[in-house]
Amino acid sequence: MKVSFALFGLWALAVFLAAIVAMMNRKD
């Protein structure tokens, strides 16, 4: 369960990273 929560947190971090990438890329 602890590993599951850690992986879920990494998933949320990856979604946040995708939002940052989207903000930096004006074309796409």
PDB file of all heavy atoms in Angstrom:
ATOM      1  N   MET A   1       0.835  -1.204   0.000  1.00  0.00           N
ATOM      2  CA  MET A   1       0.000   0.000   0.000  1.00  0.00           C
ATOM      3  C   MET A   1       0.872   1.257   0.000  1.00  0.00           C
ATOM      4  O   MET A   1       0.550   2.235  -0.681  1.00  0.00           O
ATOM      5  CB  MET A   1      -0.936  -0.007   1.209  1.00  0.00           C
ATOM      6  CG  MET A   1      -1.943   1.119   1.200  1.00  0.00           C
ATOM      7  SD  MET A   1      -3.101   1.060  -0.170  1.00  0.00           S
ATOM      8  CE  MET A   1      -4.372   0.049   0.505  1.00  0.00           C
ATOM      9  N   LYS A   2       1.974   1.219   0.726  1.00  0.00           N
ATOM     10  CA  LYS A   2       2.888   2.364   0.725  1.00  0.00           C
ATOM     11  C   LYS A   2       3.489   2.580  -0.657  1.00  0.00           C
ATOM     12  O   LYS A   2       3.600   3.721  -1.121  1.00  0.00           O
ATOM     13  CB  LYS A   2       3.995   2.148   1.757  1.00  0.00           C
ATOM     14  CG  LYS A   2       3.510   2.193   3.181  1.00  0.00           C
ATOM     15  CD  LYS A   2       4.646   1.914   4.149  1.00  0.00           C
ATOM     16  CE  LYS A   2       4.148   1.854   5.575  1.00  0.00           C
ATOM     17  NZ  LYS A   2       5.205   1.537   6.528  1.00  0.00           N
ATOM     18  N   VAL A   3       3.872   1.485  -1.307  1.00  0.00           N
ATOM     19  CA  VAL A   3       4.420   1.586  -2.665  1.00  0.00           C
ATOM     20  C   VAL A   3       3.351   2.124  -3.614  1.00  0.00           C
ATOM     21  O   VAL A   3       3.637   2.945  -4.495  1.00  0.00           O
ATOM     22  CB  VAL A   3       4.954   0.216  -3.135  1.00  0.00           C
ATOM     23  CG1 VAL A   3       5.335   0.248  -4.603  1.00  0.00           C
ATOM     24  CG2 VAL A   3       6.138  -0.215  -2.296  1.00  0.00           C
ATOM     25  N   SER A   4       2.114   1.674  -3.446  1.00  0.00           N
ATOM     26  CA  SER A   4       1.017   2.159  -4.277  1.00  0.00           C
ATOM     27  C   SER A   4       0.826   3.661  -4.128  1.00  0.00           C
ATOM     28  O   SER A   4       0.643   4.369  -5.120  1.00  0.00           O
ATOM     29  CB  SER A   4      -0.270   1.430  -3.916  1.00  0.00           C
ATOM     30  OG  SER A   4      -1.367   1.973  -4.604  1.00  0.00           O
ATOM     31  N   PHE A   5       0.852   4.151  -2.898  1.00  0.00           N
ATOM     32  CA  PHE A   5       0.710   5.592  -2.677  1.00  0.00           C
ATOM     33  C   PHE A   5       1.877   6.368  -3.286  1.00  0.00           C
ATOM     34  O   PHE A   5       1.689   7.449  -3.849  1.00  0.00           O
ATOM     35  CB  PHE A   5       0.598   5.909  -1.188  1.00  0.00           C
ATOM     36  CG  PHE A   5      -0.751   5.610  -0.609  1.00  0.00           C
ATOM     37  CD1 PHE A   5      -0.872   5.056   0.652  1.00  0.00           C
ATOM     38  CD2 PHE A   5      -1.915   5.887  -1.302  1.00  0.00           C
ATOM     39  CE1 PHE A   5      -2.108   4.779   1.197  1.00  0.00           C
ATOM     40  CE2 PHE A   5      -3.165   5.613  -0.772  1.00  0.00           C
ATOM     41  CZ  PHE A   5      -3.257   5.059   0.484  1.00  0.00           C
ATOM     42  N   ALA A   6       3.076   5.811  -3.185  1.00  0.00           N
ATOM     43  CA  ALA A   6       4.245   6.473  -3.771  1.00  0.00           C
ATOM     44  C   ALA A   6       4.122   6.536  -5.297  1.00  0.00           C
ATOM     45  O   ALA A   6       4.407   7.580  -5.908  1.00  0.00           O
ATOM     46  CB  ALA A   6       5.522   5.743  -3.375  1.00  0.00           C
ATOM     47  N   LEU A   7       3.694   5.456  -5.913  1.00  0.00           N
ATOM     48  CA  LEU A   7       3.519   5.449  -7.366  1.00  0.00           C
ATOM     49  C   LEU A   7       2.392   6.378  -7.796  1.00  0.00           C
ATOM     50  O   LEU A   7       2.477   7.030  -8.844  1.00  0.00           O
ATOM     51  CB  LEU A   7       3.250   4.024  -7.854  1.00  0.00           C
ATOM     52  CG  LEU A   7       4.453   3.088  -7.830  1.00  0.00           C
ATOM     53  CD1 LEU A   7       4.012   1.660  -8.062  1.00  0.00           C
ATOM     54  CD2 LEU A   7       5.485   3.520  -8.852  1.00  0.00           C
ATOM     55  N   PHE A   8       1.338   6.457  -6.993  1.00  0.00           N
ATOM     56  CA  PHE A   8       0.250   7.385  -7.299  1.00  0.00           C
ATOM     57  C   PHE A   8       0.754   8.832  -7.218  1.00  0.00           C
ATOM     58  O   PHE A   8       0.388   9.668  -8.050  1.00  0.00           O
ATOM     59  CB  PHE A   8      -0.923   7.170  -6.341  1.00  0.00           C
ATOM     60  CG  PHE A   8      -2.151   7.930  -6.717  1.00  0.00           C
ATOM     61  CD1 PHE A   8      -2.951   7.483  -7.755  1.00  0.00           C
ATOM     62  CD2 PHE A   8      -2.505   9.076  -6.048  1.00  0.00           C
ATOM     63  CE1 PHE A   8      -4.087   8.176  -8.117  1.00  0.00           C
ATOM     64  CE2 PHE A   8      -3.636   9.778  -6.395  1.00  0.00           C
ATOM     65  CZ  PHE A   8      -4.434   9.335  -7.435  1.00  0.00           C
ATOM     66  N   GLY A   9       1.595   9.111  -6.229  1.00  0.00           N
ATOM     67  CA  GLY A   9       2.190  10.440  -6.131  1.00  0.00           C
ATOM     68  C   GLY A   9       3.085  10.751  -7.318  1.00  0.00           C
ATOM     69  O   GLY A   9       3.096  11.883  -7.828  1.00  0.00           O
ATOM     70  N   LEU A  10       3.841   9.756  -7.783  1.00  0.00           N
ATOM     71  CA  LEU A  10       4.676   9.954  -8.972  1.00  0.00           C
ATOM     72  C   LEU A  10       3.825  10.188 -10.213  1.00  0.00           C
ATOM     73  O   LEU A  10       4.187  10.975 -11.094  1.00  0.00           O
ATOM     74  CB  LEU A  10       5.604   8.755  -9.175  1.00  0.00           C
ATOM     75  CG  LEU A  10       6.762   8.649  -8.200  1.00  0.00           C
ATOM     76  CD1 LEU A  10       7.495   7.331  -8.391  1.00  0.00           C
ATOM     77  CD2 LEU A  10       7.714   9.816  -8.371  1.00  0.00           C
ATOM     78  N   TRP A  11       2.683   9.512 -10.289  1.00  0.00           N
ATOM     79  CA  TRP A  11       1.765   9.752 -11.405  1.00  0.00           C
ATOM     80  C   TRP A  11       1.256  11.199 -11.369  1.00  0.00           C
ATOM     81  O   TRP A  11       1.235  11.875 -12.405  1.00  0.00           O
ATOM     82  CB  TRP A  11       0.590   8.775 -11.337  1.00  0.00           C
ATOM     83  CG  TRP A  11      -0.495   9.081 -12.320  1.00  0.00           C
ATOM     84  CD1 TRP A  11      -0.474   8.835 -13.667  1.00  0.00           C
ATOM     85  CD2 TRP A  11      -1.748   9.715 -12.047  1.00  0.00           C
ATOM     86  NE1 TRP A  11      -1.647   9.261 -14.231  1.00  0.00           N
ATOM     87  CE2 TRP A  11      -2.445   9.801 -13.270  1.00  0.00           C
ATOM     88  CE3 TRP A  11      -2.342  10.195 -10.901  1.00  0.00           C
ATOM     89  CZ2 TRP A  11      -3.719  10.356 -13.352  1.00  0.00           C
ATOM     90  CZ3 TRP A  11      -3.599  10.749 -10.986  1.00  0.00           C
ATOM     91  CH2 TRP A  11      -4.278  10.833 -12.204  1.00  0.00           C
ATOM     92  N   ALA A  12       0.866  11.665 -10.205  1.00  0.00           N
ATOM     93  CA  ALA A  12       0.392  13.051 -10.081  1.00  0.00           C
ATOM     94  C   ALA A  12       1.508  14.032 -10.440  1.00  0.00           C
ATOM     95  O   ALA A  12       1.259  15.056 -11.087  1.00  0.00           O
ATOM     96  CB  ALA A  12      -0.122  13.312  -8.668  1.00  0.00           C
ATOM     97  N   LEU A  13       2.729  13.711 -10.051  1.00  0.00           N
ATOM     98  CA  LEU A  13       3.874  14.548 -10.407  1.00  0.00           C
ATOM     99  C   LEU A  13       4.104  14.548 -11.913  1.00  0.00           C
ATOM    100  O   LEU A  13       4.416  15.588 -12.492  1.00  0.00           O
ATOM    101  CB  LEU A  13       5.121  14.063  -9.667  1.00  0.00           C
ATOM    102  CG  LEU A  13       6.370  14.909  -9.818  1.00  0.00           C
ATOM    103  CD1 LEU A  13       6.167  16.269  -9.156  1.00  0.00           C
ATOM    104  CD2 LEU A  13       7.558  14.192  -9.208  1.00  0.00           C
ATOM    105  N   ALA A  14       3.913  13.406 -12.560  1.00  0.00           N
ATOM    106  CA  ALA A  14       4.064  13.329 -14.016  1.00  0.00           C
ATOM    107  C   ALA A  14       2.993  14.161 -14.724  1.00  0.00           C
ATOM    108  O   ALA A  14       3.267  14.800 -15.746  1.00  0.00           O
ATOM    109  CB  ALA A  14       4.025  11.881 -14.481  1.00  0.00           C
ATOM    110  N   VAL A  15       1.775  14.164 -14.186  1.00  0.00           N
ATOM    111  CA  VAL A  15       0.717  15.003 -14.767  1.00  0.00           C
ATOM    112  C   VAL A  15       1.068  16.477 -14.587  1.00  0.00           C
ATOM    113  O   VAL A  15       0.894  17.290 -15.507  1.00  0.00           O
ATOM    114  CB  VAL A  15      -0.652  14.672 -14.132  1.00  0.00           C
ATOM    115  CG1 VAL A  15      -1.715  15.665 -14.569  1.00  0.00           C
ATOM    116  CG2 VAL A  15      -1.064  13.255 -14.474  1.00  0.00           C
ATOM    117  N   PHE A  16       1.595  16.835 -13.431  1.00  0.00           N
ATOM    118  CA  PHE A  16       2.025  18.215 -13.187  1.00  0.00           C
ATOM    119  C   PHE A  16       3.161  18.595 -14.139  1.00  0.00           C
ATOM    120  O   PHE A  16       3.177  19.703 -14.689  1.00  0.00           O
ATOM    121  CB  PHE A  16       2.448  18.371 -11.729  1.00  0.00           C
ATOM    122  CG  PHE A  16       2.912  19.740 -11.362  1.00  0.00           C
ATOM    123  CD1 PHE A  16       2.010  20.791 -11.273  1.00  0.00           C
ATOM    124  CD2 PHE A  16       4.246  19.994 -11.114  1.00  0.00           C
ATOM    125  CE1 PHE A  16       2.428  22.063 -10.939  1.00  0.00           C
ATOM    126  CE2 PHE A  16       4.679  21.253 -10.779  1.00  0.00           C
ATOM    127  CZ  PHE A  16       3.773  22.296 -10.690  1.00  0.00           C
ATOM    128  N   LEU A  17       4.099  17.674 -14.347  1.00  0.00           N
ATOM    129  CA  LEU A  17       5.197  17.918 -15.283  1.00  0.00           C
ATOM    130  C   LEU A  17       4.664  18.109 -16.697  1.00  0.00           C
ATOM    131  O   LEU A  17       5.151  18.968 -17.442  1.00  0.00           O
ATOM    132  CB  LEU A  17       6.185  16.759 -15.231  1.00  0.00           C
ATOM    133  CG  LEU A  17       7.366  16.833 -16.178  1.00  0.00           C
ATOM    134  CD1 LEU A  17       8.289  17.977 -15.765  1.00  0.00           C
ATOM    135  CD2 LEU A  17       8.124  15.522 -16.169  1.00  0.00           C
ATOM    136  N   ALA A  18       3.654  17.335 -17.076  1.00  0.00           N
ATOM    137  CA  ALA A  18       3.043  17.499 -18.401  1.00  0.00           C
ATOM    138  C   ALA A  18       2.395  18.873 -18.537  1.00  0.00           C
ATOM    139  O   ALA A  18       2.446  19.487 -19.608  1.00  0.00           O
ATOM    140  CB  ALA A  18       2.019  16.401 -18.647  1.00  0.00           C
ATOM    141  N   ALA A  19       1.797  19.374 -17.457  1.00  0.00           N
ATOM    142  CA  ALA A  19       1.203  20.713 -17.497  1.00  0.00           C
ATOM    143  C   ALA A  19       2.285  21.777 -17.675  1.00  0.00           C
ATOM    144  O   ALA A  19       2.096  22.735 -18.433  1.00  0.00           O
ATOM    145  CB  ALA A  19       0.408  20.973 -16.218  1.00  0.00           C
ATOM    146  N   ILE A  20       3.410  21.597 -17.013  1.00  0.00           N
ATOM    147  CA  ILE A  20       4.513  22.553 -17.170  1.00  0.00           C
ATOM    148  C   ILE A  20       5.058  22.505 -18.589  1.00  0.00           C
ATOM    149  O   ILE A  20       5.323  23.552 -19.208  1.00  0.00           O
ATOM    150  CB  ILE A  20       5.618  22.264 -16.134  1.00  0.00           C
ATOM    151  CG1 ILE A  20       5.121  22.622 -14.747  1.00  0.00           C
ATOM    152  CG2 ILE A  20       6.890  23.031 -16.453  1.00  0.00           C
ATOM    153  CD1 ILE A  20       6.056  22.244 -13.632  1.00  0.00           C
ATOM    154  N   VAL A  21       5.215  21.297 -19.129  1.00  0.00           N
ATOM    155  CA  VAL A  21       5.688  21.157 -20.507  1.00  0.00           C
ATOM    156  C   VAL A  21       4.705  21.815 -21.469  1.00  0.00           C
ATOM    157  O   VAL A  21       5.108  22.467 -22.428  1.00  0.00           O
ATOM    158  CB  VAL A  21       5.891  19.654 -20.848  1.00  0.00           C
ATOM    159  CG1 VAL A  21       6.075  19.445 -22.335  1.00  0.00           C
ATOM    160  CG2 VAL A  21       7.071  19.099 -20.087  1.00  0.00           C
ATOM    161  N   ALA A  22       3.416  21.652 -21.223  1.00  0.00           N
ATOM    162  CA  ALA A  22       2.408  22.269 -22.083  1.00  0.00           C
ATOM    163  C   ALA A  22       2.488  23.788 -22.024  1.00  0.00           C
ATOM    164  O   ALA A  22       2.320  24.455 -23.046  1.00  0.00           O
ATOM    165  CB  ALA A  22       1.014  21.807 -21.672  1.00  0.00           C
ATOM    166  N   MET A  23       2.767  24.346 -20.854  1.00  0.00           N
ATOM    167  CA  MET A  23       2.875  25.795 -20.740  1.00  0.00           C
ATOM    168  C   MET A  23       4.106  26.339 -21.466  1.00  0.00           C
ATOM    169  O   MET A  23       4.084  27.445 -21.979  1.00  0.00           O
ATOM    170  CB  MET A  23       2.932  26.205 -19.273  1.00  0.00           C
ATOM    171  CG  MET A  23       1.619  26.118 -18.570  1.00  0.00           C
ATOM    172  SD  MET A  23       1.754  26.754 -16.905  1.00  0.00           S
ATOM    173  CE  MET A  23       1.545  25.260 -15.969  1.00  0.00           C
ATOM    174  N   MET A  24       5.162  25.543 -21.510  1.00  0.00           N
ATOM    175  CA  MET A  24       6.407  26.000 -22.132  1.00  0.00           C
ATOM    176  C   MET A  24       6.383  25.854 -23.653  1.00  0.00           C
ATOM    177  O   MET A  24       7.105  26.568 -24.346  1.00  0.00           O
ATOM    178  CB  MET A  24       7.591  25.223 -21.552  1.00  0.00           C
ATOM    179  CG  MET A  24       7.816  25.533 -20.084  1.00  0.00           C
ATOM    180  SD  MET A  24       9.046  24.493 -19.325  1.00  0.00           S
ATOM    181  CE  MET A  24      10.502  24.907 -20.228  1.00  0.00           C
ATOM    182  N   ASN A  25       5.598  24.965 -24.190  1.00  0.00           N
ATOM    183  CA  ASN A  25       5.551  24.721 -25.628  1.00  0.00           C
ATOM    184  C   ASN A  25       4.367  25.465 -26.227  1.00  0.00           C
ATOM    185  O   ASN A  25       3.231  25.021 -26.142  1.00  0.00           O
ATOM    186  CB  ASN A  25       5.439  23.216 -25.885  1.00  0.00           C
ATOM    187  CG  ASN A  25       5.575  22.871 -27.337  1.00  0.00           C
ATOM    188  OD1 ASN A  25       5.444  23.714 -28.210  1.00  0.00           O
ATOM    189  ND2 ASN A  25       5.843  21.606 -27.600  1.00  0.00           N
ATOM    190  N   ARG A  26       4.634  26.583 -26.856  1.00  0.00           N
ATOM    191  CA  ARG A  26       3.547  27.402 -27.399  1.00  0.00           C
ATOM    192  C   ARG A  26       2.879  26.761 -28.613  1.00  0.00           C
ATOM    193  O   ARG A  26       1.670  26.880 -28.789  1.00  0.00           O
ATOM    194  CB  ARG A  26       4.075  28.777 -27.795  1.00  0.00           C
ATOM    195  CG  ARG A  26       4.442  29.629 -26.633  1.00  0.00           C
ATOM    196  CD  ARG A  26       4.708  31.050 -27.117  1.00  0.00           C
ATOM    197  NE  ARG A  26       5.108  31.906 -26.021  1.00  0.00           N
ATOM    198  CZ  ARG A  26       4.261  32.541 -25.240  1.00  0.00           C
ATOM    199  NH1 ARG A  26       2.976  32.388 -25.419  1.00  0.00           N
ATOM    200  NH2 ARG A  26       4.696  33.315 -24.279  1.00  0.00           N
ATOM    201  N   LYS A  27       3.656  26.059 -29.424  1.00  0.00           N
ATOM    202  CA  LYS A  27       3.113  25.509 -30.665  1.00  0.00           C
ATOM    203  C   LYS A  27       2.092  24.400 -30.406  1.00  0.00           C
ATOM    204  O   LYS A  27       1.023  24.383 -31.010  1.00  0.00           O
ATOM    205  CB  LYS A  27       4.256  24.974 -31.522  1.00  0.00           C
ATOM    206  CG  LYS A  27       3.821  24.417 -32.833  1.00  0.00           C
ATOM    207  CD  LYS A  27       4.998  23.875 -33.598  1.00  0.00           C
ATOM    208  CE  LYS A  27       4.512  23.144 -34.843  1.00  0.00           C
ATOM    209  NZ  LYS A  27       5.514  22.264 -35.367  1.00  0.00           N
ATOM    210  N   ASP A  28       2.406  23.480 -29.539  1.00  0.00           N
ATOM    211  CA  ASP A  28       1.538  22.325 -29.285  1.00  0.00           C
ATOM    212  C   ASP A  28       0.855  22.380 -27.927  1.00  0.00           C
ATOM    213  O   ASP A  28       0.468  21.344 -27.387  1.00  0.00           O
ATOM    214  CB  ASP A  28       2.365  21.030 -29.367  1.00  0.00           C
ATOM    215  CG  ASP A  28       2.995  20.837 -30.719  1.00  0.00           C
ATOM    216  OD1 ASP A  28       2.346  21.191 -31.722  1.00  0.00           O
ATOM    217  OD2 ASP A  28       4.134  20.341 -30.778  1.00  0.00           O
TER     218      ASP A  28
END
